[in-house]
Amino acid sequence: MQATWYFDFILPFAYLQWPKIRALSARVDFSYRPILFAGLLERFGHKGPAEIPGKREFTYRHVQWRAQRHGIALQFPPAHPFNPLAALRLCIAAGSSADAIEAIFAHLWREGRAGDTPAALQTVASRLGIADIDAALARPEVKQALSENFDAAVADGVFGVPTLVAQDELFWGEDATPMFEDWLRDPAAFESAPMRALKHWPEGVRRG
């Protein structure tokens, strides 16, 4: 089975999902695609959870609760939201490998360090064999790959991250991981009459 995991390092829910993705990689051939979450927000005219008063605090508390519930070490970065562009480009410069993703997530969300500039990520880059992080992040092919990842996400119908995509099925959010696992076990269950009906369910009202 092949699947694509779209994610952004700015999202704590992506960090919480990452251990589950690594565990699933024993039976799923994943393509890891970092993308800019802000691009999706702009595309769909949304605000991020951290940009909405009230929702910001609840989201952070929910993240902390889920981490504690699942025994995942968690330390928020010094400030959030932050600009994740350097982290995304570093991931791509390092081949978007599982080791690169692990190292960057650990730096940001396990150790609670800043990652909004190349300088802040220098120790991670060195660990990944990148001596000159400024040059690596400035490479045109790295910037192009990030743009292509976003275009691929749009083509796949992605509207938020983290999202798993497999055989035209989308599973959005860390809490949809069990749904993805059920789909792996029995894809036919997701083609039941009630499931098919939901694809074309009538709208009672539409705003704007």
N, C-alpha and C. Protein backbone atom coordinates (compact mmCIF):
# COMPACT_ATOMS: atom_id res chain seq x y z
N MET A 1 0.83 -1.18 0.00
CA MET A 1 0.00 0.00 0.00
C MET A 1 0.88 1.25 0.00
N GLN A 2 0.54 2.19 -0.86
CA GLN A 2 1.24 3.46 -0.93
C GLN A 2 0.34 4.58 -0.41
N ALA A 3 0.92 5.53 0.27
CA ALA A 3 0.16 6.66 0.80
C ALA A 3 1.07 7.88 0.89
N THR A 4 0.45 9.04 0.89
CA THR A 4 1.18 10.30 1.03
C THR A 4 0.76 10.97 2.33
N TRP A 5 1.76 11.45 3.06
CA TRP A 5 1.47 12.19 4.29
C TRP A 5 1.87 13.64 4.08
N TYR A 6 0.88 14.52 4.06
CA TYR A 6 1.11 15.95 3.96
C TYR A 6 1.10 16.55 5.37
N PHE A 7 2.07 17.41 5.66
CA PHE A 7 2.19 17.94 7.01
C PHE A 7 2.96 19.26 7.00
N ASP A 8 2.88 19.97 8.13
CA ASP A 8 3.68 21.17 8.34
C ASP A 8 4.20 21.11 9.77
N PHE A 9 5.45 21.50 9.96
CA PHE A 9 6.06 21.44 11.28
C PHE A 9 5.44 22.41 12.27
N ILE A 10 4.69 23.38 11.80
CA ILE A 10 4.06 24.34 12.69
C ILE A 10 2.94 23.70 13.50
N LEU A 11 2.46 22.56 13.04
CA LEU A 11 1.27 21.96 13.64
C LEU A 11 1.60 20.93 14.70
N PRO A 12 1.20 21.16 15.95
CA PRO A 12 1.46 20.16 16.99
C PRO A 12 0.75 18.85 16.73
N PHE A 13 -0.40 18.90 16.05
CA PHE A 13 -1.11 17.65 15.76
C PHE A 13 -0.33 16.78 14.78
N ALA A 14 0.45 17.40 13.91
CA ALA A 14 1.31 16.62 13.02
C ALA A 14 2.40 15.92 13.83
N TYR A 15 2.92 16.63 14.82
CA TYR A 15 3.92 16.03 15.71
C TYR A 15 3.32 14.84 16.47
N LEU A 16 2.09 14.99 16.94
CA LEU A 16 1.44 13.90 17.67
C LEU A 16 1.14 12.71 16.76
N GLN A 17 0.90 12.97 15.48
CA GLN A 17 0.60 11.89 14.55
C GLN A 17 1.86 11.17 14.08
N TRP A 18 2.98 11.84 14.11
CA TRP A 18 4.21 11.31 13.55
C TRP A 18 4.59 9.93 14.10
N PRO A 19 4.55 9.66 15.41
CA PRO A 19 4.88 8.31 15.88
C PRO A 19 3.98 7.23 15.28
N LYS A 20 2.73 7.58 15.05
CA LYS A 20 1.80 6.61 14.46
C LYS A 20 2.14 6.37 12.99
N ILE A 21 2.55 7.44 12.31
CA ILE A 21 2.96 7.30 10.91
C ILE A 21 4.19 6.40 10.82
N ARG A 22 5.14 6.60 11.71
CA ARG A 22 6.36 5.78 11.71
C ARG A 22 6.01 4.31 11.96
N ALA A 23 5.08 4.07 12.87
CA ALA A 23 4.68 2.69 13.15
C ALA A 23 3.99 2.06 11.94
N LEU A 24 3.16 2.85 11.26
CA LEU A 24 2.44 2.34 10.09
C LEU A 24 3.37 2.12 8.90
N SER A 25 4.53 2.76 8.90
CA SER A 25 5.44 2.63 7.76
C SER A 25 5.97 1.21 7.60
N ALA A 26 5.75 0.36 8.59
CA ALA A 26 6.14 -1.05 8.46
C ALA A 26 5.28 -1.76 7.42
N ARG A 27 4.06 -1.23 7.17
CA ARG A 27 3.19 -1.87 6.18
C ARG A 27 2.64 -0.91 5.13
N VAL A 28 3.03 0.35 5.22
CA VAL A 28 2.60 1.34 4.23
C VAL A 28 3.84 2.04 3.68
N ASP A 29 3.90 2.16 2.36
CA ASP A 29 5.00 2.86 1.70
C ASP A 29 4.63 4.34 1.61
N PHE A 30 5.14 5.13 2.56
CA PHE A 30 4.77 6.54 2.64
C PHE A 30 5.67 7.42 1.78
N SER A 31 5.03 8.41 1.18
CA SER A 31 5.74 9.54 0.60
C SER A 31 5.49 10.72 1.53
N TYR A 32 6.55 11.29 2.08
CA TYR A 32 6.42 12.39 3.04
C TYR A 32 6.52 13.72 2.29
N ARG A 33 5.48 14.55 2.42
CA ARG A 33 5.45 15.81 1.69
C ARG A 33 5.16 16.99 2.62
N PRO A 34 6.20 17.69 3.05
CA PRO A 34 5.98 18.91 3.84
C PRO A 34 5.38 20.01 2.97
N ILE A 35 4.38 20.68 3.50
CA ILE A 35 3.76 21.80 2.77
C ILE A 35 3.51 22.95 3.73
N LEU A 36 3.25 24.12 3.17
CA LEU A 36 3.01 25.32 3.97
C LEU A 36 1.53 25.40 4.32
N PHE A 37 1.22 25.19 5.60
CA PHE A 37 -0.16 25.23 6.08
C PHE A 37 -0.82 26.57 5.77
N ALA A 38 -0.04 27.65 5.89
CA ALA A 38 -0.59 28.99 5.63
C ALA A 38 -1.12 29.11 4.21
N GLY A 39 -0.52 28.36 3.28
CA GLY A 39 -1.00 28.38 1.90
C GLY A 39 -2.41 27.83 1.79
N LEU A 40 -2.70 26.78 2.56
CA LEU A 40 -4.05 26.22 2.56
C LEU A 40 -5.04 27.18 3.21
N LEU A 41 -4.61 27.83 4.29
CA LEU A 41 -5.49 28.81 4.93
C LEU A 41 -5.86 29.92 3.97
N GLU A 42 -4.87 30.40 3.23
CA GLU A 42 -5.13 31.47 2.26
C GLU A 42 -6.02 30.98 1.13
N ARG A 43 -5.78 29.77 0.68
CA ARG A 43 -6.54 29.23 -0.44
C ARG A 43 -8.03 29.10 -0.11
N PHE A 44 -8.32 28.69 1.13
CA PHE A 44 -9.71 28.44 1.51
C PHE A 44 -10.30 29.58 2.35
N GLY A 45 -9.54 30.64 2.56
CA GLY A 45 -10.05 31.77 3.30
C GLY A 45 -10.30 31.46 4.77
N HIS A 46 -9.44 30.64 5.36
CA HIS A 46 -9.59 30.25 6.76
C HIS A 46 -8.58 30.98 7.64
N LYS A 47 -8.84 30.92 8.95
CA LYS A 47 -7.85 31.30 9.95
C LYS A 47 -7.37 30.04 10.65
N GLY A 48 -6.12 30.04 11.06
CA GLY A 48 -5.61 28.92 11.82
C GLY A 48 -6.18 28.93 13.23
N PRO A 49 -6.23 27.78 13.89
CA PRO A 49 -6.77 27.73 15.26
C PRO A 49 -6.08 28.71 16.21
N ALA A 50 -4.78 28.91 16.04
CA ALA A 50 -4.04 29.80 16.94
C ALA A 50 -4.32 31.27 16.67
N GLU A 51 -5.08 31.57 15.61
CA GLU A 51 -5.40 32.95 15.27
C GLU A 51 -6.77 33.37 15.78
N ILE A 52 -7.48 32.44 16.42
CA ILE A 52 -8.84 32.70 16.87
C ILE A 52 -8.87 32.70 18.40
N PRO A 53 -9.19 33.84 19.03
CA PRO A 53 -9.23 33.89 20.49
C PRO A 53 -10.16 32.81 21.06
N GLY A 54 -9.78 32.21 22.14
CA GLY A 54 -10.57 31.13 22.72
C GLY A 54 -10.20 29.80 22.12
N LYS A 55 -10.28 29.70 20.81
CA LYS A 55 -9.91 28.46 20.14
C LYS A 55 -8.42 28.19 20.30
N ARG A 56 -7.63 29.26 20.33
CA ARG A 56 -6.17 29.13 20.52
C ARG A 56 -5.86 28.39 21.82
N GLU A 57 -6.42 28.89 22.94
CA GLU A 57 -6.12 28.26 24.22
C GLU A 57 -6.65 26.84 24.27
N PHE A 58 -7.88 26.64 23.76
CA PHE A 58 -8.43 25.28 23.79
C PHE A 58 -7.57 24.33 22.98
N THR A 59 -7.15 24.77 21.79
CA THR A 59 -6.33 23.91 20.94
C THR A 59 -5.04 23.50 21.64
N TYR A 60 -4.37 24.45 22.26
CA TYR A 60 -3.12 24.15 22.96
C TYR A 60 -3.36 23.18 24.12
N ARG A 61 -4.45 23.40 24.86
CA ARG A 61 -4.77 22.49 25.97
C ARG A 61 -5.14 21.10 25.45
N HIS A 62 -5.82 21.06 24.33
CA HIS A 62 -6.19 19.78 23.72
C HIS A 62 -4.93 19.03 23.28
N VAL A 63 -4.00 19.75 22.68
CA VAL A 63 -2.73 19.14 22.27
C VAL A 63 -1.99 18.58 23.49
N GLN A 64 -1.90 19.38 24.56
CA GLN A 64 -1.22 18.94 25.77
C GLN A 64 -1.90 17.70 26.35
N TRP A 65 -3.21 17.70 26.37
CA TRP A 65 -3.97 16.57 26.90
C TRP A 65 -3.74 15.31 26.09
N ARG A 66 -3.77 15.45 24.76
CA ARG A 66 -3.57 14.28 23.91
C ARG A 66 -2.15 13.73 24.05
N ALA A 67 -1.19 14.63 24.18
CA ALA A 67 0.19 14.18 24.37
C ALA A 67 0.33 13.40 25.67
N GLN A 68 -0.25 13.93 26.75
CA GLN A 68 -0.19 13.24 28.04
C GLN A 68 -0.93 11.91 27.98
N ARG A 69 -2.07 11.91 27.32
CA ARG A 69 -2.89 10.70 27.23
C ARG A 69 -2.17 9.58 26.49
N HIS A 70 -1.37 9.96 25.48
CA HIS A 70 -0.68 8.95 24.67
C HIS A 70 0.79 8.78 25.06
N GLY A 71 1.21 9.45 26.13
CA GLY A 71 2.58 9.29 26.60
C GLY A 71 3.62 9.84 25.66
N ILE A 72 3.29 10.95 24.98
CA ILE A 72 4.23 11.58 24.04
C ILE A 72 4.85 12.81 24.68
N ALA A 73 6.17 12.84 24.74
CA ALA A 73 6.85 14.01 25.30
C ALA A 73 6.53 15.25 24.47
N LEU A 74 6.19 16.33 25.11
CA LEU A 74 5.80 17.55 24.40
C LEU A 74 6.27 18.78 25.14
N GLN A 75 6.93 19.67 24.41
CA GLN A 75 7.32 20.98 24.92
C GLN A 75 7.10 21.99 23.80
N PHE A 76 6.21 22.93 23.99
CA PHE A 76 5.92 23.90 22.95
C PHE A 76 7.16 24.74 22.64
N PRO A 77 7.32 25.15 21.38
CA PRO A 77 8.40 26.08 21.02
C PRO A 77 8.23 27.40 21.78
N PRO A 78 9.26 28.25 21.79
CA PRO A 78 9.19 29.51 22.55
C PRO A 78 8.01 30.40 22.17
N ALA A 79 7.61 30.36 20.91
CA ALA A 79 6.47 31.16 20.46
C ALA A 79 5.71 30.36 19.41
N HIS A 80 4.39 30.54 19.40
CA HIS A 80 3.55 29.84 18.43
C HIS A 80 2.31 30.67 18.17
N PRO A 81 1.89 30.81 16.91
CA PRO A 81 2.51 30.24 15.71
C PRO A 81 3.84 30.91 15.38
N PHE A 82 4.62 30.21 14.57
CA PHE A 82 5.90 30.73 14.11
C PHE A 82 6.00 30.50 12.61
N ASN A 83 6.99 31.10 11.98
CA ASN A 83 7.19 30.91 10.55
C ASN A 83 7.91 29.57 10.32
N PRO A 84 7.26 28.59 9.69
CA PRO A 84 7.86 27.26 9.54
C PRO A 84 8.66 27.07 8.26
N LEU A 85 8.83 28.15 7.49
CA LEU A 85 9.43 28.00 6.17
C LEU A 85 10.83 27.39 6.23
N ALA A 86 11.65 27.84 7.17
CA ALA A 86 13.01 27.30 7.28
C ALA A 86 12.99 25.82 7.60
N ALA A 87 12.09 25.40 8.48
CA ALA A 87 12.00 23.99 8.85
C ALA A 87 11.53 23.14 7.67
N LEU A 88 10.57 23.65 6.92
CA LEU A 88 10.06 22.93 5.75
C LEU A 88 11.16 22.76 4.70
N ARG A 89 11.89 23.84 4.45
CA ARG A 89 12.96 23.76 3.45
C ARG A 89 14.11 22.87 3.93
N LEU A 90 14.41 22.89 5.22
CA LEU A 90 15.45 22.02 5.74
C LEU A 90 15.07 20.56 5.54
N CYS A 91 13.82 20.25 5.80
CA CYS A 91 13.34 18.88 5.61
C CYS A 91 13.55 18.44 4.17
N ILE A 92 13.20 19.29 3.23
CA ILE A 92 13.35 18.95 1.82
C ILE A 92 14.82 18.86 1.44
N ALA A 93 15.63 19.78 1.95
CA ALA A 93 17.07 19.75 1.66
C ALA A 93 17.70 18.46 2.16
N ALA A 94 17.12 17.88 3.23
CA ALA A 94 17.62 16.64 3.79
C ALA A 94 16.93 15.42 3.20
N GLY A 95 16.20 15.63 2.10
CA GLY A 95 15.60 14.51 1.39
C GLY A 95 14.22 14.11 1.85
N SER A 96 13.59 14.92 2.70
CA SER A 96 12.27 14.59 3.27
C SER A 96 12.24 13.16 3.81
N SER A 97 13.33 12.78 4.43
CA SER A 97 13.45 11.42 4.98
C SER A 97 12.82 11.35 6.36
N ALA A 98 12.55 10.13 6.80
CA ALA A 98 12.00 9.93 8.14
C ALA A 98 12.96 10.47 9.20
N ASP A 99 14.25 10.30 8.99
CA ASP A 99 15.24 10.81 9.95
C ASP A 99 15.20 12.33 10.04
N ALA A 100 15.04 12.98 8.89
CA ALA A 100 14.97 14.44 8.88
C ALA A 100 13.71 14.93 9.59
N ILE A 101 12.59 14.29 9.30
CA ILE A 101 11.33 14.68 9.94
C ILE A 101 11.41 14.48 11.44
N GLU A 102 11.95 13.35 11.86
CA GLU A 102 12.11 13.06 13.28
C GLU A 102 12.98 14.11 13.96
N ALA A 103 14.09 14.44 13.35
CA ALA A 103 15.02 15.40 13.95
C ALA A 103 14.40 16.78 14.11
N ILE A 104 13.67 17.22 13.10
CA ILE A 104 13.07 18.55 13.14
C ILE A 104 11.92 18.60 14.14
N PHE A 105 11.06 17.57 14.12
CA PHE A 105 9.98 17.52 15.10
C PHE A 105 10.53 17.49 16.52
N ALA A 106 11.59 16.69 16.75
CA ALA A 106 12.18 16.59 18.08
C ALA A 106 12.70 17.95 18.55
N HIS A 107 13.35 18.65 17.65
CA HIS A 107 13.90 19.98 17.97
C HIS A 107 12.78 20.94 18.37
N LEU A 108 11.72 20.96 17.60
CA LEU A 108 10.64 21.92 17.80
C LEU A 108 9.71 21.56 18.95
N TRP A 109 9.24 20.32 18.96
CA TRP A 109 8.13 19.94 19.83
C TRP A 109 8.50 19.03 20.99
N ARG A 110 9.66 18.38 20.93
CA ARG A 110 10.08 17.57 22.06
C ARG A 110 11.03 18.36 22.96
N GLU A 111 11.91 19.14 22.31
CA GLU A 111 12.87 19.95 23.07
C GLU A 111 12.39 21.38 23.25
N GLY A 112 11.34 21.77 22.50
CA GLY A 112 10.75 23.09 22.65
C GLY A 112 11.65 24.23 22.20
N ARG A 113 12.37 24.00 21.11
CA ARG A 113 13.30 25.03 20.62
C ARG A 113 12.71 25.78 19.43
N ALA A 114 13.25 26.96 19.19
CA ALA A 114 12.81 27.77 18.05
C ALA A 114 13.25 27.13 16.74
N GLY A 115 12.47 27.37 15.70
CA GLY A 115 12.82 26.83 14.39
C GLY A 115 12.38 27.74 13.27
N ASP A 116 12.30 29.03 13.57
CA ASP A 116 11.77 29.97 12.58
C ASP A 116 12.84 30.64 11.73
N THR A 117 14.10 30.31 11.98
CA THR A 117 15.20 30.86 11.17
C THR A 117 16.22 29.76 10.90
N PRO A 118 17.02 29.92 9.86
CA PRO A 118 18.09 28.95 9.62
C PRO A 118 19.02 28.81 10.81
N ALA A 119 19.35 29.93 11.45
CA ALA A 119 20.26 29.88 12.60
C ALA A 119 19.69 29.03 13.73
N ALA A 120 18.38 29.13 13.94
CA ALA A 120 17.74 28.37 15.01
C ALA A 120 17.77 26.87 14.74
N LEU A 121 17.91 26.50 13.47
CA LEU A 121 17.89 25.09 13.07
C LEU A 121 19.28 24.56 12.74
N GLN A 122 20.31 25.33 13.02
CA GLN A 122 21.66 24.93 12.62
C GLN A 122 22.08 23.60 13.25
N THR A 123 21.75 23.38 14.51
CA THR A 123 22.16 22.12 15.16
C THR A 123 21.48 20.92 14.50
N VAL A 124 20.23 21.09 14.11
CA VAL A 124 19.51 20.01 13.43
C VAL A 124 20.13 19.75 12.07
N ALA A 125 20.42 20.82 11.36
CA ALA A 125 21.03 20.69 10.03
C ALA A 125 22.36 19.95 10.12
N SER A 126 23.17 20.31 11.10
CA SER A 126 24.47 19.65 11.27
C SER A 126 24.29 18.16 11.54
N ARG A 127 23.29 17.84 12.36
CA ARG A 127 23.00 16.44 12.66
C ARG A 127 22.59 15.68 11.41
N LEU A 128 21.98 16.39 10.46
CA LEU A 128 21.52 15.76 9.21
C LEU A 128 22.57 15.84 8.10
N GLY A 129 23.76 16.31 8.44
CA GLY A 129 24.85 16.34 7.46
C GLY A 129 24.86 17.56 6.58
N ILE A 130 24.15 18.61 6.98
CA ILE A 130 24.12 19.85 6.20
C ILE A 130 24.95 20.89 6.92
N ALA A 131 26.11 21.22 6.39
CA ALA A 131 27.03 22.15 7.05
C ALA A 131 26.61 23.60 6.87
N ASP A 132 26.20 23.96 5.67
CA ASP A 132 25.81 25.35 5.37
C ASP A 132 24.30 25.40 5.17
N ILE A 133 23.58 25.64 6.25
CA ILE A 133 22.12 25.61 6.18
C ILE A 133 21.58 26.75 5.32
N ASP A 134 22.21 27.91 5.37
CA ASP A 134 21.73 29.04 4.57
C ASP A 134 21.77 28.71 3.08
N ALA A 135 22.87 28.12 2.64
CA ALA A 135 23.00 27.75 1.23
C ALA A 135 22.02 26.66 0.86
N ALA A 136 21.84 25.69 1.75
CA ALA A 136 20.94 24.57 1.47
C ALA A 136 19.50 25.04 1.32
N LEU A 137 19.06 25.94 2.20
CA LEU A 137 17.68 26.41 2.17
C LEU A 137 17.42 27.36 1.01
N ALA A 138 18.49 27.97 0.49
CA ALA A 138 18.34 28.93 -0.61
C ALA A 138 18.39 28.26 -1.98
N ARG A 139 18.67 26.98 -2.03
CA ARG A 139 18.78 26.30 -3.32
C ARG A 139 17.44 26.36 -4.08
N PRO A 140 17.45 26.75 -5.35
CA PRO A 140 16.21 26.86 -6.11
C PRO A 140 15.42 25.57 -6.14
N GLU A 141 16.10 24.42 -6.20
CA GLU A 141 15.38 23.15 -6.28
C GLU A 141 14.65 22.83 -4.99
N VAL A 142 15.17 23.33 -3.86
CA VAL A 142 14.49 23.13 -2.58
C VAL A 142 13.20 23.95 -2.54
N LYS A 143 13.29 25.20 -2.95
CA LYS A 143 12.11 26.06 -3.00
C LYS A 143 11.08 25.51 -3.99
N GLN A 144 11.56 25.01 -5.13
CA GLN A 144 10.67 24.46 -6.13
C GLN A 144 9.96 23.22 -5.62
N ALA A 145 10.68 22.38 -4.89
CA ALA A 145 10.08 21.15 -4.36
C ALA A 145 8.97 21.47 -3.36
N LEU A 146 9.18 22.50 -2.54
CA LEU A 146 8.14 22.89 -1.59
C LEU A 146 6.89 23.38 -2.32
N SER A 147 7.10 24.13 -3.38
CA SER A 147 5.98 24.60 -4.19
C SER A 147 5.26 23.44 -4.87
N GLU A 148 6.02 22.48 -5.36
CA GLU A 148 5.43 21.32 -6.02
C GLU A 148 4.65 20.45 -5.03
N ASN A 149 5.16 20.37 -3.81
CA ASN A 149 4.42 19.63 -2.77
C ASN A 149 3.05 20.25 -2.54
N PHE A 150 3.02 21.58 -2.49
CA PHE A 150 1.75 22.27 -2.28
C PHE A 150 0.80 22.02 -3.45
N ASP A 151 1.32 22.10 -4.65
CA ASP A 151 0.49 21.85 -5.84
C ASP A 151 -0.06 20.43 -5.83
N ALA A 152 0.76 19.48 -5.39
CA ALA A 152 0.32 18.09 -5.31
C ALA A 152 -0.79 17.94 -4.27
N ALA A 153 -0.65 18.65 -3.16
CA ALA A 153 -1.68 18.60 -2.12
C ALA A 153 -3.01 19.14 -2.65
N VAL A 154 -2.95 20.26 -3.37
CA VAL A 154 -4.16 20.83 -3.95
C VAL A 154 -4.78 19.85 -4.94
N ALA A 155 -3.95 19.24 -5.77
CA ALA A 155 -4.45 18.27 -6.75
C ALA A 155 -5.10 17.06 -6.07
N ASP A 156 -4.60 16.71 -4.89
CA ASP A 156 -5.16 15.58 -4.16
C ASP A 156 -6.39 15.95 -3.35
N GLY A 157 -6.77 17.23 -3.38
CA GLY A 157 -7.95 17.66 -2.65
C GLY A 157 -7.72 17.96 -1.19
N VAL A 158 -6.47 18.15 -0.80
CA VAL A 158 -6.15 18.41 0.61
C VAL A 158 -6.65 19.79 1.00
N PHE A 159 -7.33 19.87 2.14
CA PHE A 159 -7.85 21.15 2.63
C PHE A 159 -7.28 21.51 4.00
N GLY A 160 -6.53 20.61 4.60
CA GLY A 160 -5.91 20.86 5.90
C GLY A 160 -4.81 19.85 6.12
N VAL A 161 -3.98 20.11 7.11
CA VAL A 161 -2.90 19.18 7.43
C VAL A 161 -2.82 19.01 8.95
N PRO A 162 -2.36 17.82 9.38
CA PRO A 162 -1.83 16.72 8.58
C PRO A 162 -2.95 15.94 7.88
N THR A 163 -2.64 15.44 6.70
CA THR A 163 -3.59 14.63 5.93
C THR A 163 -2.88 13.45 5.31
N LEU A 164 -3.50 12.30 5.42
CA LEU A 164 -3.06 11.09 4.73
C LEU A 164 -3.90 10.91 3.48
N VAL A 165 -3.25 10.60 2.37
CA VAL A 165 -3.95 10.36 1.11
C VAL A 165 -3.53 9.00 0.58
N ALA A 166 -4.52 8.15 0.29
CA ALA A 166 -4.24 6.83 -0.26
C ALA A 166 -5.40 6.44 -1.17
N GLN A 167 -5.08 6.12 -2.41
CA GLN A 167 -6.08 5.69 -3.39
C GLN A 167 -7.28 6.65 -3.43
N ASP A 168 -7.00 7.93 -3.50
CA ASP A 168 -8.01 8.98 -3.60
C ASP A 168 -8.84 9.16 -2.33
N GLU A 169 -8.48 8.48 -1.25
CA GLU A 169 -9.15 8.67 0.04
C GLU A 169 -8.31 9.63 0.88
N LEU A 170 -8.99 10.58 1.55
CA LEU A 170 -8.32 11.53 2.41
C LEU A 170 -8.67 11.28 3.87
N PHE A 171 -7.66 11.35 4.73
CA PHE A 171 -7.86 11.20 6.16
C PHE A 171 -7.19 12.38 6.84
N TRP A 172 -8.01 13.34 7.26
CA TRP A 172 -7.51 14.62 7.76
C TRP A 172 -7.43 14.61 9.28
N GLY A 173 -6.29 14.98 9.78
CA GLY A 173 -6.13 15.18 11.21
C GLY A 173 -5.52 13.98 11.92
N GLU A 174 -4.83 14.29 13.00
CA GLU A 174 -4.20 13.24 13.81
C GLU A 174 -5.24 12.27 14.36
N ASP A 175 -6.42 12.78 14.69
CA ASP A 175 -7.46 11.92 15.25
C ASP A 175 -8.13 11.03 14.21
N ALA A 176 -7.79 11.21 12.93
CA ALA A 176 -8.33 10.33 11.88
C ALA A 176 -7.41 9.13 11.62
N THR A 177 -6.32 9.02 12.38
CA THR A 177 -5.41 7.89 12.17
C THR A 177 -6.12 6.55 12.35
N PRO A 178 -6.95 6.35 13.40
CA PRO A 178 -7.66 5.07 13.51
C PRO A 178 -8.58 4.80 12.32
N MET A 179 -9.15 5.85 11.76
CA MET A 179 -9.99 5.70 10.57
C MET A 179 -9.16 5.18 9.40
N PHE A 180 -7.96 5.73 9.24
CA PHE A 180 -7.05 5.26 8.19
C PHE A 180 -6.68 3.80 8.42
N GLU A 181 -6.42 3.43 9.66
CA GLU A 181 -6.08 2.04 9.97
C GLU A 181 -7.24 1.10 9.67
N ASP A 182 -8.47 1.53 9.96
CA ASP A 182 -9.64 0.72 9.62
C ASP A 182 -9.78 0.57 8.11
N TRP A 183 -9.50 1.67 7.41
CA TRP A 183 -9.58 1.62 5.94
C TRP A 183 -8.53 0.64 5.38
N LEU A 184 -7.34 0.62 5.96
CA LEU A 184 -6.32 -0.31 5.52
C LEU A 184 -6.79 -1.76 5.69
N ARG A 185 -7.47 -2.01 6.81
CA ARG A 185 -7.95 -3.37 7.08
C ARG A 185 -9.10 -3.76 6.18
N ASP A 186 -9.99 -2.80 5.89
CA ASP A 186 -11.20 -3.15 5.13
C ASP A 186 -11.68 -1.96 4.31
N PRO A 187 -11.05 -1.70 3.16
CA PRO A 187 -11.48 -0.56 2.34
C PRO A 187 -12.93 -0.65 1.89
N ALA A 188 -13.43 -1.85 1.71
CA ALA A 188 -14.81 -2.02 1.23
C ALA A 188 -15.82 -1.44 2.21
N ALA A 189 -15.49 -1.41 3.50
CA ALA A 189 -16.41 -0.87 4.49
C ALA A 189 -16.68 0.61 4.25
N PHE A 190 -15.76 1.26 3.58
CA PHE A 190 -15.91 2.69 3.30
C PHE A 190 -16.67 2.95 2.00
N GLU A 191 -17.13 1.87 1.38
CA GLU A 191 -17.96 1.98 0.18
C GLU A 191 -19.38 1.50 0.46
N SER A 192 -19.75 1.46 1.72
CA SER A 192 -21.11 1.07 2.08
C SER A 192 -22.10 2.11 1.56
N ALA A 193 -23.37 1.75 1.52
CA ALA A 193 -24.39 2.67 1.03
C ALA A 193 -24.42 3.97 1.83
N PRO A 194 -24.37 3.93 3.17
CA PRO A 194 -24.37 5.19 3.92
C PRO A 194 -23.14 6.05 3.62
N MET A 195 -21.96 5.40 3.47
CA MET A 195 -20.76 6.16 3.15
C MET A 195 -20.86 6.81 1.77
N ARG A 196 -21.35 6.07 0.80
CA ARG A 196 -21.48 6.62 -0.57
C ARG A 196 -22.47 7.77 -0.60
N ALA A 197 -23.54 7.65 0.17
CA ALA A 197 -24.57 8.69 0.17
C ALA A 197 -24.02 10.02 0.67
N LEU A 198 -23.06 9.97 1.59
CA LEU A 198 -22.52 11.20 2.18
C LEU A 198 -21.74 12.04 1.17
N LYS A 199 -21.27 11.41 0.10
CA LYS A 199 -20.50 12.16 -0.90
C LYS A 199 -21.36 13.18 -1.63
N HIS A 200 -22.65 12.97 -1.65
CA HIS A 200 -23.55 13.88 -2.39
C HIS A 200 -24.72 14.32 -1.52
N TRP A 201 -24.47 14.47 -0.23
CA TRP A 201 -25.54 14.86 0.68
C TRP A 201 -25.99 16.30 0.39
N PRO A 202 -27.32 16.54 0.33
CA PRO A 202 -27.80 17.89 -0.02
C PRO A 202 -27.47 18.93 1.04
N GLU A 203 -27.24 20.16 0.59
CA GLU A 203 -26.99 21.28 1.48
C GLU A 203 -28.31 21.98 1.79
N GLY A 204 -28.53 22.26 3.09
CA GLY A 204 -29.75 22.96 3.47
C GLY A 204 -29.61 24.46 3.40
N VAL A 205 -28.38 24.96 3.57
CA VAL A 205 -28.14 26.39 3.51
C VAL A 205 -26.65 26.58 3.20
N ARG A 206 -26.32 27.66 2.55
CA ARG A 206 -24.94 27.99 2.26
C ARG A 206 -24.69 29.45 2.58
N ARG A 207 -23.64 29.72 3.38
CA ARG A 207 -23.32 31.10 3.74
C ARG A 207 -22.47 31.76 2.66
N GLY A 208 -22.69 33.03 2.47
CA GLY A 208 -21.88 33.84 1.57
C GLY A 208 -21.90 33.37 0.16
